[in-house]
C-alpha cells in the first residue's frame, strides 16, 4: 500500500466516523489526523529502519510500517491514543515483521535469532506504554547508507532518501523538485527494485569501504540542501523545507559518526549557509544578493552552531576536506559585518586550496569571483577566460552571471547587459530570471 493510498483509506475512515458522530466526531478526527501526520514524519523513518534489516526487504518494511499507521488510526479512533504512541507503533510494527518472517519457512532460523536479539525480554503488548529499547541510531545509519547506495543514480538516491528518512510522501517530493508525481514514484519503485536485485546489504560499510560510501551519502544530503537553498526551477527562490530535511539528516549522521571530519564539515557548511536564509529574499520573494543582504537578519545562533561544527571538523584533521574548506569560506562571510569587511584574500586562498583538492570548473569559477574581489576585476577576468571555453559550463547560468558582473566592473556595460540576458535565458527559476532581467535593464 502506498502512502497516498493509506491517506485515502484514512480519509474514508474519517468520513465514516464523521457521518456516525456528527460535528463532535469531525472535531475529534482532525486532531487525531494532525497527530498521526506529525508522528508519521517523526517515527516512520525509525520504524522502516528497524524493520528493513531483519526483513532484508525495503519495500516490505515500508508496507508494514504503513499498515501499522492504518492500525493506529483504527485502534486510536475507537480506544483513544495510548500514553506512549511511539512505543505502541514500535511494538505493533515489530509484531507485524515477526509475523511476516514466520511465514517464510526458510527464514525461521533468522527470525529466531532476530527475535532474541531485538527482544531478549517478553514481547510487550501493543498498548504497553513503556518505551522499547532499540539500536535505532545504528538502524537509521544503515538505512541512510542503503538509500544513498552508489548503485542508484543521484536523483533516485535523493528521492528515496527523502521518502524513507525524511518521511515525505511522493507528492511532497514531486512538489519539492518540481517533477511530475509519476516520475518520482517510478524513481522510488525502481530504486527499491535495484537494491533488491543487487542484494544490497542493510549494514554500515566496513572501514575499508566507508569513505567511498560516505561520500555518496554526503553528496545526496548536499544535493537536497542545495535544491532547497537555490531552487533550480519554479517560482520560488528557496524551498526551506528541503534545507531543513538536509540539516536534520546531517545532524543524525554527525551524531552516529562523530569521528568523521567530512560529516561535521558538511554540517558546518549547511548551518552557515542556512543562517542567511531570512535575508536572501525580500518581502515579495525576490532574490537578494549577498552584497545587498541585511546581515542583522542572519541567524546568529545558527552561525554559532556552524562554527562549532567547523571547529570539530578541523580538530579531527579535516583541514583539506572539500566540505570543510567550503565551510571555512562560508565562515569568512559570516564573520564580516559588512560586505566590504570580508577577508577576500583568505577566501581566494581557500578557493585555491579547494581547487587542488576538488578540481572542478565550478570551483574555479568561484575562485575567479574571490580573486576579483581581492585583487580587482582584471585579475578575476583573466581567470575567467579558460572557463568561457569549457564545454562543461556552456549552459551554466552562473558562468554568464559572473561574466556579466566582471564586465560591469570593467565598465563594459553593453556586453554585461548581454551576459545577464544570456544568464536569464539559461535559468529555469522564475525569481532568478526576473532578477537577472532587472539587472540587464539597469544597464
Protein backbone atom coordinates (compact mmCIF):
# COMPACT_ATOMS: atom_id res chain seq x y z
CA UNK A 1 0.00 0.00 0.00
CA UNK A 2 1.39 3.42 -0.97
CA UNK A 3 1.38 6.43 1.35
CA UNK A 4 -1.22 8.14 -0.83
CA UNK A 5 -3.42 5.02 -0.72
CA UNK A 6 -3.07 4.95 3.07
CA UNK A 7 -4.21 8.56 3.30
CA UNK A 8 -7.18 7.75 1.03
CA UNK A 9 -8.24 4.91 3.33
CA UNK A 10 -7.68 7.11 6.37
CA UNK A 11 -9.88 9.79 4.84
CA UNK A 12 -12.61 7.24 4.15
CA UNK A 13 -12.49 6.03 7.73
CA UNK A 14 -12.69 9.61 8.99
CA UNK A 15 -15.68 10.34 6.76
CA UNK A 16 -17.46 7.26 8.09
CA UNK A 17 -16.73 8.33 11.64
CA UNK A 18 -17.98 11.83 10.91
CA UNK A 19 -21.24 10.54 9.48
CA UNK A 20 -21.80 8.49 12.62
CA UNK A 21 -20.84 11.03 15.22
CA UNK A 22 -21.56 14.41 13.59
CA UNK A 23 -19.73 17.62 14.37
CA UNK A 24 -18.08 16.29 17.53
CA UNK A 25 -16.63 13.43 15.50
CA UNK A 26 -15.17 15.87 12.99
CA UNK A 27 -13.63 17.95 15.75
CA UNK A 28 -12.01 14.86 17.28
CA UNK A 29 -10.88 13.37 13.96
CA UNK A 30 -8.91 16.44 12.88
CA UNK A 31 -6.60 16.48 15.95
CA UNK A 32 -6.06 12.73 15.51
CA UNK A 33 -5.14 13.23 11.85
CA UNK A 34 -2.77 16.05 12.74
CA UNK A 35 -1.17 13.91 15.43
CA UNK A 36 -0.78 10.97 13.06
CA UNK A 37 0.69 13.22 10.37
CA UNK A 38 3.25 14.53 12.87
CA UNK A 39 4.06 11.05 14.14
CA UNK A 40 4.42 9.80 10.57
CA UNK A 41 7.09 12.40 9.83
CA UNK A 42 8.86 11.75 13.12
CA UNK A 43 8.55 7.99 13.55
CA UNK A 44 8.20 6.37 10.12
CA UNK A 45 11.93 6.61 9.24
CA UNK A 46 12.83 4.93 12.52
CA UNK A 47 10.24 2.18 12.04
CA UNK A 48 11.30 1.47 8.45
CA UNK A 49 14.91 1.37 9.63
CA UNK A 50 14.03 -1.08 12.42
CA UNK A 51 12.21 -3.49 10.10
CA UNK A 52 14.36 -3.29 6.96
CA UNK A 53 17.35 -5.09 8.44
CA UNK A 54 15.62 -8.25 9.74
CA UNK A 55 13.27 -8.40 6.74
CA UNK A 56 16.00 -7.70 4.21
CA UNK A 57 13.33 -6.14 2.01
CA UNK A 58 12.93 -2.37 1.90
CA UNK A 59 9.57 -2.47 0.14
CA UNK A 60 8.06 -4.92 2.61
CA UNK A 61 9.38 -2.90 5.56
CA UNK A 62 7.71 0.23 4.24
CA UNK A 63 4.43 -1.62 3.60
CA UNK A 64 4.36 -3.00 7.16
CA UNK A 65 5.01 0.47 8.57
CA UNK A 66 2.13 1.89 6.52
CA UNK A 67 -0.10 -0.96 7.74
CA UNK A 68 0.92 -0.05 11.28
CA UNK A 69 -0.28 3.51 10.73
CA UNK A 70 -3.62 2.29 9.45
CA UNK A 71 -3.93 0.06 12.52
CA UNK A 72 -3.14 3.07 14.72
CA UNK A 73 -5.85 5.13 13.07
CA UNK A 74 -8.43 2.39 13.56
CA UNK A 75 -7.40 1.49 17.12
CA UNK A 76 -6.86 5.03 18.41
CA UNK A 77 -10.11 6.28 16.87
CA UNK A 78 -12.02 3.65 18.86
CA UNK A 79 -9.97 3.46 22.07
CA UNK A 80 -8.11 6.74 22.34
CA UNK A 81 -4.41 7.42 21.97
CA UNK A 82 -2.06 5.34 24.19
CA UNK A 83 0.13 7.06 26.76
CA UNK A 84 3.23 6.38 24.63
CA UNK A 85 2.23 6.45 20.94
CA UNK A 86 5.78 5.82 19.69
CA UNK A 87 6.08 2.65 21.79
CA UNK A 88 2.68 1.45 20.54
CA UNK A 89 3.76 1.98 16.94
CA UNK A 90 7.14 0.31 17.50
CA UNK A 91 5.66 -2.78 19.13
CA UNK A 92 2.89 -3.14 16.54
CA UNK A 93 5.33 -2.77 13.64
CA UNK A 94 7.75 -5.23 15.19
CA UNK A 95 4.99 -7.80 15.75
CA UNK A 96 3.92 -7.47 12.13
CA UNK A 97 7.50 -8.00 11.00
CA UNK A 98 7.79 -11.13 13.15
CA UNK A 99 4.55 -12.45 11.66
CA UNK A 100 5.91 -11.81 8.18
CA UNK A 101 9.13 -13.65 8.97
CA UNK A 102 7.22 -16.58 10.45
CA UNK A 103 5.59 -17.01 7.06
CA UNK A 104 8.98 -17.66 5.49
CA UNK A 105 9.91 -21.25 6.35
CA UNK A 106 13.45 -20.80 5.15
CA UNK A 107 13.80 -17.71 7.31
CA UNK A 108 12.75 -19.35 10.56
CA UNK A 109 16.28 -19.50 11.94
CA UNK A 110 16.85 -15.89 11.01
CA UNK A 111 13.61 -14.90 12.76
CA UNK A 112 14.58 -16.71 15.94
CA UNK A 113 17.99 -15.01 16.03
CA UNK A 114 16.48 -11.60 15.40
CA UNK A 115 13.71 -12.10 17.97
CA UNK A 116 16.28 -12.92 20.65
CA UNK A 117 18.47 -10.00 19.62
CA UNK A 118 15.67 -7.45 19.39
CA UNK A 119 13.64 -8.54 22.40
CA UNK A 120 15.50 -10.65 24.97
CA UNK A 121 12.61 -10.00 27.34
CA UNK A 122 8.98 -10.93 26.70
CA UNK A 123 7.41 -9.06 23.78
CA UNK A 124 5.27 -6.26 25.14
CA UNK A 125 1.65 -5.80 24.16
CA UNK A 126 0.81 -3.01 21.71
CA UNK A 127 -0.87 -0.91 24.39
CA UNK A 128 2.11 -1.09 26.74
CA UNK A 129 3.23 2.48 27.44
CA UNK A 130 6.81 1.64 28.32
CA UNK A 131 9.33 2.72 25.69
CA UNK A 132 11.17 -0.05 23.86
CA UNK A 133 14.95 -0.20 23.75
CA UNK A 134 16.44 -0.47 20.26
CA UNK A 135 19.62 0.34 18.39
CA UNK A 136 17.65 2.83 16.32
CA UNK A 137 20.68 5.05 15.77
CA UNK A 138 22.53 2.23 14.04
CA UNK A 139 19.39 1.23 12.14
CA UNK A 140 18.88 4.75 10.82
CA UNK A 141 22.52 4.87 9.81
CA UNK A 142 22.17 1.60 7.92
CA UNK A 143 19.06 2.85 6.16
CA UNK A 144 20.84 6.05 5.16
CA UNK A 145 23.70 4.13 3.57
CA UNK A 146 21.24 1.87 1.73
CA UNK A 147 19.12 4.75 0.40
CA UNK A 148 22.26 6.53 -0.82
CA UNK A 149 23.92 3.45 -2.31
CA UNK A 150 26.10 4.20 -5.39
CA UNK A 151 24.24 1.59 -7.48
CA UNK A 152 21.45 4.18 -7.67
CA UNK A 153 21.59 7.40 -9.68
CA UNK A 154 21.75 10.73 -7.82
CA UNK A 155 18.10 11.58 -8.49
CA UNK A 156 16.93 8.17 -7.27
CA UNK A 157 19.10 8.43 -4.15
CA UNK A 158 17.66 11.84 -3.29
CA UNK A 159 14.05 10.73 -3.81
CA UNK A 160 14.49 7.51 -1.83
CA UNK A 161 16.29 9.31 1.00
CA UNK A 162 13.53 11.89 1.34
CA UNK A 163 10.90 9.15 1.24
CA UNK A 164 12.50 6.82 3.78
CA UNK A 165 14.44 9.16 6.06
CA UNK A 166 12.53 12.39 5.59
CA UNK A 167 9.11 10.79 5.93
CA UNK A 168 7.93 12.72 2.86
CA UNK A 169 5.14 11.33 0.68
CA UNK A 170 5.65 11.01 -3.06
CA UNK A 171 3.55 14.12 -3.89
CA UNK A 172 5.62 16.20 -1.46
CA UNK A 173 8.89 15.09 -3.06
CA UNK A 174 7.50 15.77 -6.52
CA UNK A 175 6.48 19.28 -5.47
CA UNK A 176 9.85 19.94 -3.86
CA UNK A 177 11.78 19.06 -7.02
CA UNK A 178 9.11 20.29 -9.45
CA UNK A 179 8.95 16.87 -11.10
CA UNK A 180 5.73 15.07 -12.08
CA UNK A 181 4.48 12.77 -9.32
CA UNK A 182 4.58 9.63 -11.55
CA UNK A 183 8.25 10.34 -12.28
CA UNK A 184 9.13 10.43 -8.58
CA UNK A 185 7.03 7.31 -7.93
CA UNK A 186 8.86 5.45 -10.69
CA UNK A 187 12.25 6.54 -9.37
CA UNK A 188 11.40 5.23 -5.91
CA UNK A 189 10.00 1.91 -7.19
CA UNK A 190 12.96 1.35 -9.49
CA UNK A 191 15.39 2.25 -6.72
CA UNK A 192 13.88 -0.37 -4.41
CA UNK A 193 13.95 -2.97 -7.18
CA UNK A 194 17.58 -2.18 -7.94
CA UNK A 195 18.57 -2.54 -4.29
CA UNK A 196 16.75 -5.88 -4.10
CA UNK A 197 18.17 -7.14 -7.38
CA UNK A 198 21.72 -6.15 -6.44
CA UNK A 199 21.18 -7.68 -2.98
CA UNK A 200 22.44 -4.58 -1.20
CA UNK A 201 23.05 -5.44 2.44
CA UNK A 202 21.49 -3.44 5.24
CA UNK A 203 24.69 -2.50 7.01
CA UNK A 204 27.12 0.32 7.61
CA UNK A 205 30.15 -0.30 5.36
CA UNK A 206 33.32 -1.67 6.91
CA UNK A 207 36.20 0.73 7.46
CA UNK A 208 37.82 -0.02 4.09
CA UNK A 209 34.67 0.88 2.16
CA UNK A 210 33.30 3.56 4.47
CA UNK A 211 34.98 6.57 2.85
CA UNK A 212 33.59 5.91 -0.64
CA UNK A 213 30.10 5.11 0.59
CA UNK A 214 30.07 8.05 3.00
CA UNK A 215 30.92 10.36 0.12
CA UNK A 216 27.77 9.18 -1.66
CA UNK A 217 25.65 9.87 1.42
CA UNK A 218 27.10 13.36 1.84
CA UNK A 219 26.58 14.16 -1.83
CA UNK A 220 22.89 13.26 -1.57
CA UNK A 221 22.39 15.34 1.57
CA UNK A 222 24.11 18.34 -0.02
CA UNK A 223 22.11 17.88 -3.23
CA UNK A 224 18.89 18.05 -1.21
CA UNK A 225 20.14 21.13 0.65
CA UNK A 226 21.21 22.96 -2.50
CA UNK A 227 17.89 22.37 -4.20
CA UNK A 228 16.25 23.97 -1.18
CA UNK A 229 18.79 26.80 -0.87
CA UNK A 230 18.76 27.85 -4.54
CA UNK A 231 15.89 26.17 -6.34
CA UNK A 232 16.88 25.15 -9.85
CA UNK A 233 13.40 25.77 -11.26
CA UNK A 234 9.93 27.03 -10.37
CA UNK A 235 8.54 30.23 -8.88
CA UNK A 236 10.33 30.23 -5.51
CA UNK A 237 13.92 31.24 -4.96
CA UNK A 238 14.19 28.92 -1.94
CA UNK A 239 12.46 25.81 -0.61
CA UNK A 240 13.24 25.92 3.14
CA UNK A 241 11.71 22.51 3.87
CA UNK A 242 14.41 20.80 1.81
CA UNK A 243 17.14 22.73 3.64
CA UNK A 244 15.63 21.63 6.95
CA UNK A 245 15.48 17.97 5.88
CA UNK A 246 19.11 18.03 4.75
CA UNK A 247 20.21 19.59 8.03
CA UNK A 248 18.22 17.03 10.03
CA UNK A 249 19.78 14.13 8.09
CA UNK A 250 23.29 15.51 8.53
CA UNK A 251 22.76 16.01 12.26
CA UNK A 252 21.76 12.35 12.55
CA UNK A 253 24.85 11.38 10.60
CA UNK A 254 27.11 13.55 12.76
CA UNK A 255 25.70 12.01 15.94
CA UNK A 256 26.29 8.49 14.65
CA UNK A 257 29.71 9.12 13.05
CA UNK A 258 31.31 11.64 15.43
CA UNK A 259 34.85 10.93 14.21
CA UNK A 260 34.28 11.80 10.53
CA UNK A 261 35.53 15.33 9.72
CA UNK A 262 33.69 15.45 6.37
CA UNK A 263 30.35 14.96 8.12
CA UNK A 264 30.99 17.82 10.52
CA UNK A 265 32.33 19.89 7.64
CA UNK A 266 29.14 19.45 5.62
CA UNK A 267 27.01 20.18 8.69
CA UNK A 268 29.03 23.37 9.32
CA UNK A 269 28.67 24.41 5.68
CA UNK A 270 24.91 23.96 5.64
CA UNK A 271 24.39 25.63 9.02
CA UNK A 272 26.41 28.67 7.93
CA UNK A 273 24.70 28.94 4.57
CA UNK A 274 21.22 28.41 6.01
CA UNK A 275 21.87 31.17 8.56
CA UNK A 276 21.39 33.70 5.73
CA UNK A 277 18.02 32.34 4.62
CA UNK A 278 15.83 35.09 6.08
CA UNK A 279 17.88 37.76 4.31
CA UNK A 280 18.12 36.04 0.92
CA UNK A 281 14.63 37.07 -0.24
CA UNK A 282 12.72 40.33 0.06
CA UNK A 283 9.13 40.75 1.18
CA UNK A 284 7.93 39.84 -2.32
CA UNK A 285 10.04 36.67 -2.53
CA UNK A 286 12.62 38.13 -4.93
CA UNK A 287 16.31 37.15 -4.50
CA UNK A 288 18.59 39.45 -2.51
CA UNK A 289 22.27 39.17 -3.42
CA UNK A 290 24.89 38.67 -0.71
CA UNK A 291 26.19 42.23 -1.11
CA UNK A 292 22.72 43.66 -0.51
CA UNK A 293 21.59 41.47 2.38
CA UNK A 294 20.70 42.90 5.79
CA UNK A 295 23.17 40.95 7.91
CA UNK A 296 21.23 41.73 11.06
CA UNK A 297 18.63 39.27 9.74
CA UNK A 298 21.15 36.44 9.63
CA UNK A 299 20.53 33.71 12.23
CA UNK A 300 23.47 34.18 14.59
CA UNK A 301 22.55 31.17 16.71
CA UNK A 302 22.85 29.06 13.58
CA UNK A 303 26.18 30.71 12.78
CA UNK A 304 27.39 29.69 16.24
CA UNK A 305 26.34 26.09 15.58
CA UNK A 306 28.07 26.17 12.22
CA UNK A 307 31.30 27.46 13.75
CA UNK A 308 31.21 24.75 16.41
CA UNK A 309 30.80 22.05 13.76
CA UNK A 310 33.64 23.60 11.72
CA UNK A 311 35.97 23.60 14.72
CA UNK A 312 35.09 19.96 15.35
CA UNK A 313 35.94 19.09 11.74
CA UNK A 314 39.25 20.94 11.90
CA UNK A 315 40.14 19.29 15.23
CA UNK A 316 39.59 15.90 13.56
CA UNK A 317 42.14 16.77 10.87
CA UNK A 318 39.75 17.73 8.09
CA UNK A 319 41.55 20.90 7.02
CA UNK A 320 41.79 19.77 3.39
CA UNK A 321 38.38 18.14 3.11
CA UNK A 322 36.25 19.83 0.44
CA UNK A 323 33.25 20.36 2.72
CA UNK A 324 35.46 21.74 5.49
CA UNK A 325 37.10 24.15 3.06
CA UNK A 326 33.72 25.35 1.80
CA UNK A 327 32.55 25.75 5.39
CA UNK A 328 35.67 27.83 6.11
CA UNK A 329 34.76 30.09 3.18
CA UNK A 330 31.19 30.41 4.48
CA UNK A 331 32.60 31.29 7.91
CA UNK A 332 34.58 34.14 6.34
CA UNK A 333 31.31 35.63 5.10
CA UNK A 334 29.63 35.01 8.46
CA UNK A 335 32.42 36.91 10.25
CA UNK A 336 32.05 40.07 8.17
CA UNK A 337 29.60 42.68 9.46
CA UNK A 338 29.54 44.32 6.04
CA UNK A 339 30.33 43.03 2.56
CA UNK A 340 33.42 45.27 2.36
CA UNK A 341 34.73 43.77 5.63
CA UNK A 342 35.02 40.29 4.07
CA UNK A 343 38.56 38.88 4.07
CA UNK A 344 38.58 38.25 0.32
CA UNK A 345 42.27 37.31 0.24
CA UNK A 346 41.59 34.48 2.66
CA UNK A 347 38.51 33.46 0.65
CA UNK A 348 40.62 33.40 -2.53
CA UNK A 349 43.33 31.35 -0.79
CA UNK A 350 40.76 28.85 0.47
CA UNK A 351 39.35 28.51 -3.04
CA UNK A 352 42.88 27.89 -4.36
CA UNK A 353 43.26 25.03 -1.88
CA UNK A 354 39.81 23.75 -2.74
CA UNK A 355 40.75 23.77 -6.43
CA UNK A 356 43.67 21.46 -5.61
CA UNK A 357 41.50 19.11 -3.53
CA UNK A 358 38.42 19.23 -5.77
CA UNK A 359 39.46 20.49 -9.23
CA UNK A 360 36.16 21.36 -10.91
CA UNK A 361 35.22 24.26 -13.20
CA UNK A 362 32.63 25.45 -10.68
CA UNK A 363 35.32 25.81 -8.00
CA UNK A 364 37.48 27.71 -10.48
CA UNK A 365 34.54 29.99 -11.28
CA UNK A 366 34.09 30.82 -7.60
CA UNK A 367 37.83 31.38 -7.27
CA UNK A 368 37.67 33.91 -10.09
CA UNK A 369 34.98 35.82 -8.21
CA UNK A 370 37.03 35.82 -4.99
CA UNK A 371 40.21 36.92 -6.79
CA UNK A 372 38.29 39.73 -8.48
CA UNK A 373 37.16 40.93 -5.05
CA UNK A 374 40.65 40.62 -3.58
CA UNK A 375 42.80 41.89 -6.48
CA UNK A 376 40.45 43.66 -8.86
CA UNK A 377 38.16 42.80 -11.75
CA UNK A 378 41.07 42.47 -14.18
CA UNK A 379 42.62 39.62 -12.17
CA UNK A 380 39.29 37.83 -11.97
CA UNK A 381 38.66 38.36 -15.69
CA UNK A 382 41.98 36.67 -16.54
CA UNK A 383 40.98 33.58 -14.51
CA UNK A 384 37.57 33.52 -16.19
CA UNK A 385 38.88 33.26 -19.77
CA UNK A 386 39.62 29.49 -19.87
CA UNK A 387 36.26 28.78 -18.22
CA UNK A 388 34.43 30.56 -21.04
CA UNK A 389 35.74 27.82 -23.36
CA UNK A 390 34.98 24.93 -21.01
CA UNK A 391 32.28 22.76 -22.60
CA UNK A 392 31.05 21.67 -19.15
CA UNK A 393 29.91 25.22 -18.37
CA UNK A 394 28.35 26.24 -21.67
CA UNK A 395 24.78 26.00 -20.37
CA UNK A 396 25.64 27.01 -16.80
CA UNK A 397 23.80 30.23 -15.88
CA UNK A 398 26.22 31.26 -13.05
CA UNK A 399 29.05 31.46 -15.60
CA UNK A 400 27.11 34.08 -17.56
CA UNK A 401 26.27 35.90 -14.29
CA UNK A 402 29.94 36.12 -13.26
CA UNK A 403 30.86 37.24 -16.77
CA UNK A 404 28.24 39.99 -16.53
CA UNK A 405 29.45 41.05 -13.07
CA UNK A 406 33.06 41.38 -14.17
CA UNK A 407 32.19 43.13 -17.42
CA UNK A 408 30.10 45.62 -15.43
CA UNK A 409 33.02 46.25 -13.06
CA UNK A 410 35.29 46.78 -16.08
CA UNK A 411 32.88 49.37 -17.47
CA UNK A 412 31.79 47.26 -20.45
CA UNK A 413 28.10 47.85 -19.89
CA UNK A 414 26.69 46.67 -23.23
CA UNK A 415 28.50 43.34 -23.00
CA UNK A 416 27.47 43.00 -19.35
CA UNK A 417 23.83 43.54 -20.31
CA UNK A 418 24.09 40.81 -22.96
CA UNK A 419 25.64 38.45 -20.40
CA UNK A 420 22.77 38.98 -17.95
CA UNK A 421 20.25 38.35 -20.72
CA UNK A 422 22.10 35.13 -21.55
CA UNK A 423 22.05 34.05 -17.90
CA UNK A 424 18.30 34.76 -17.68
CA UNK A 425 17.71 32.56 -20.71
CA UNK A 426 19.63 29.70 -19.11
CA UNK A 427 17.82 29.59 -15.75
CA UNK A 428 14.52 27.80 -15.17
CA UNK A 429 13.85 29.61 -11.88
CA UNK A 430 11.26 32.36 -12.31
CA UNK A 431 12.60 34.55 -9.47
CA UNK A 432 16.19 34.33 -10.66
CA UNK A 433 15.19 35.06 -14.25
CA UNK A 434 13.33 38.21 -13.19
CA UNK A 435 16.28 39.40 -11.09
CA UNK A 436 18.73 38.90 -13.95
CA UNK A 437 16.49 40.70 -16.44
CA UNK A 438 16.21 43.59 -13.95
CA UNK A 439 20.00 43.78 -13.72
CA UNK A 440 20.20 43.86 -17.52
CA UNK A 441 17.60 46.62 -17.65
CA UNK A 442 19.63 48.74 -15.21
CA UNK A 443 22.49 48.68 -17.72
